[in-house]
Amino acid sequence: MKISNFNDLQLENVAHKSDVKRQRFLHKGDMPALTNFSRAFFEAGQEVEEHVHHDMHEVFYVLSGEAEVTVDGEDYLVKSDDVFWVEAGESHQIKALTCLQILYFGIEEGE
């Protein structure tokens, strides 16, 4: 068992954008097929550039705020309590429209 409080976890940079911060509760290797379990913080206007993960799926839960999410060229508005899944191989980008907190995790493709 592992227990922690997100408020006690270290802030680190999101891999795709150095000024967006995250806290990771679980890291790759902690649990089979899971690549991470994290909370990300965006200021209004911050974004994670378009990118693709060919080796993992990502699931996002919007804790607070609003964002424009672009998946394979399609734009979507997400807000507090929305949840969305980006499949392995789909290009995606997140742009915060307001201060934004997202809880997310990745699952390795093929698991």
Protein backbone atom coordinates (compact mmCIF):
# COMPACT_ATOMS: atom_id res chain seq x y z
CA MET A 1 0.00 0.00 0.00
CA LYS A 2 1.07 3.55 -0.65
CA ILE A 3 -0.65 6.57 0.86
CA SER A 4 0.21 10.21 0.40
CA ASN A 5 -1.34 13.65 0.30
CA PHE A 6 -0.94 15.52 -3.00
CA ASN A 7 -0.16 18.67 -1.02
CA ASP A 8 2.97 16.94 0.33
CA LEU A 9 4.29 15.80 -3.07
CA GLN A 10 7.13 17.65 -4.77
CA LEU A 11 6.35 19.98 -7.67
CA GLU A 12 8.18 19.15 -10.90
CA ASN A 13 7.98 20.23 -14.52
CA VAL A 14 5.64 18.51 -16.95
CA ALA A 15 7.76 16.76 -19.57
CA HIS A 16 6.18 18.60 -22.52
CA LYS A 17 6.21 22.11 -21.03
CA SER A 18 8.68 23.30 -18.40
CA ASP A 19 6.51 26.07 -16.91
CA VAL A 20 3.51 23.78 -16.28
CA LYS A 21 3.97 21.99 -12.95
CA ARG A 22 2.83 18.59 -11.74
CA GLN A 23 2.92 16.35 -8.71
CA ARG A 24 3.28 12.61 -9.28
CA PHE A 25 1.85 10.11 -6.83
CA LEU A 26 2.77 7.05 -8.92
CA HIS A 27 5.65 6.74 -11.38
CA LYS A 28 6.35 4.34 -14.22
CA GLY A 29 7.25 0.98 -12.71
CA ASP A 30 5.25 1.48 -9.49
CA MET A 31 2.31 -0.50 -10.89
CA PRO A 32 2.15 -2.76 -13.96
CA ALA A 33 1.16 -0.88 -17.16
CA LEU A 34 0.75 2.46 -15.32
CA THR A 35 3.11 5.18 -16.55
CA ASN A 36 2.14 7.85 -13.99
CA PHE A 37 -0.63 9.21 -11.79
CA SER A 38 -0.25 12.98 -11.46
CA ARG A 39 -1.87 16.34 -10.83
CA ALA A 40 -0.96 19.22 -13.16
CA PHE A 41 -1.31 22.96 -12.57
CA PHE A 42 -1.75 25.51 -15.37
CA GLU A 43 -2.02 29.28 -15.19
CA ALA A 44 -4.51 30.84 -17.63
CA GLY A 45 -2.95 30.83 -21.09
CA GLN A 46 -0.38 28.12 -20.37
CA GLU A 47 -0.40 25.14 -22.67
CA VAL A 48 1.19 21.81 -23.32
CA GLU A 49 2.19 21.74 -26.98
CA GLU A 50 0.80 19.19 -29.41
CA HIS A 51 2.44 15.81 -28.96
CA VAL A 52 1.78 12.08 -29.42
CA HIS A 53 2.39 9.08 -27.17
CA HIS A 54 2.57 5.97 -29.32
CA ASP A 55 3.17 3.77 -26.28
CA MET A 56 0.45 4.91 -23.85
CA HIS A 57 -3.13 6.06 -23.37
CA GLU A 58 -3.86 9.01 -21.07
CA VAL A 59 -6.98 9.67 -18.99
CA PHE A 60 -7.61 13.20 -17.67
CA TYR A 61 -10.02 14.47 -15.01
CA VAL A 62 -10.50 18.23 -14.76
CA LEU A 63 -10.43 19.12 -11.07
CA SER A 64 -11.00 22.84 -11.66
CA GLY A 65 -10.95 25.40 -14.43
CA GLU A 66 -11.50 25.31 -18.18
CA ALA A 67 -9.30 24.32 -21.09
CA GLU A 68 -9.32 23.87 -24.81
CA VAL A 69 -8.15 20.37 -25.71
CA THR A 70 -7.17 19.58 -29.29
CA VAL A 71 -7.12 15.89 -30.25
CA ASP A 72 -6.14 14.97 -33.81
CA GLY A 73 -7.03 18.49 -34.97
CA GLU A 74 -10.48 18.60 -33.28
CA ASP A 75 -11.02 21.22 -30.54
CA TYR A 76 -12.99 20.46 -27.38
CA LEU A 77 -13.88 22.64 -24.40
CA VAL A 78 -13.42 20.87 -21.06
CA LYS A 79 -14.29 22.16 -17.60
CA SER A 80 -14.47 21.09 -13.95
CA ASP A 81 -15.59 17.48 -13.50
CA ASP A 82 -15.12 16.58 -17.18
CA VAL A 83 -13.08 13.48 -17.91
CA PHE A 84 -11.47 12.56 -21.22
CA TRP A 85 -9.31 9.81 -22.68
CA VAL A 86 -6.62 10.28 -25.32
CA GLU A 87 -5.77 7.03 -27.06
CA ALA A 88 -2.22 5.98 -27.90
CA GLY A 89 -1.24 7.51 -31.24
CA GLU A 90 -3.64 10.49 -31.02
CA SER A 91 -1.99 13.91 -31.15
CA HIS A 92 -3.13 16.14 -28.32
CA GLN A 93 -2.63 19.58 -26.83
CA ILE A 94 -4.06 21.28 -23.73
CA LYS A 95 -4.43 25.05 -23.40
CA ALA A 96 -5.72 26.49 -20.12
CA LEU A 97 -8.42 29.13 -20.56
CA THR A 98 -8.50 29.78 -16.80
CA CYS A 99 -6.37 28.53 -13.92
CA LEU A 100 -6.59 24.78 -14.37
CA GLN A 101 -5.91 21.66 -12.32
CA ILE A 102 -5.99 18.26 -13.99
CA LEU A 103 -5.61 14.83 -12.44
CA TYR A 104 -4.30 12.32 -14.99
CA PHE A 105 -2.75 8.91 -15.51
CA GLY A 106 -1.16 6.96 -18.34
CA ILE A 107 -1.55 3.28 -19.25
CA GLU A 108 0.94 1.50 -21.50
CA GLU A 109 -0.39 0.54 -24.94
CA GLY A 110 -1.17 -3.16 -25.33
CA GLU A 111 -1.82 -3.85 -21.68
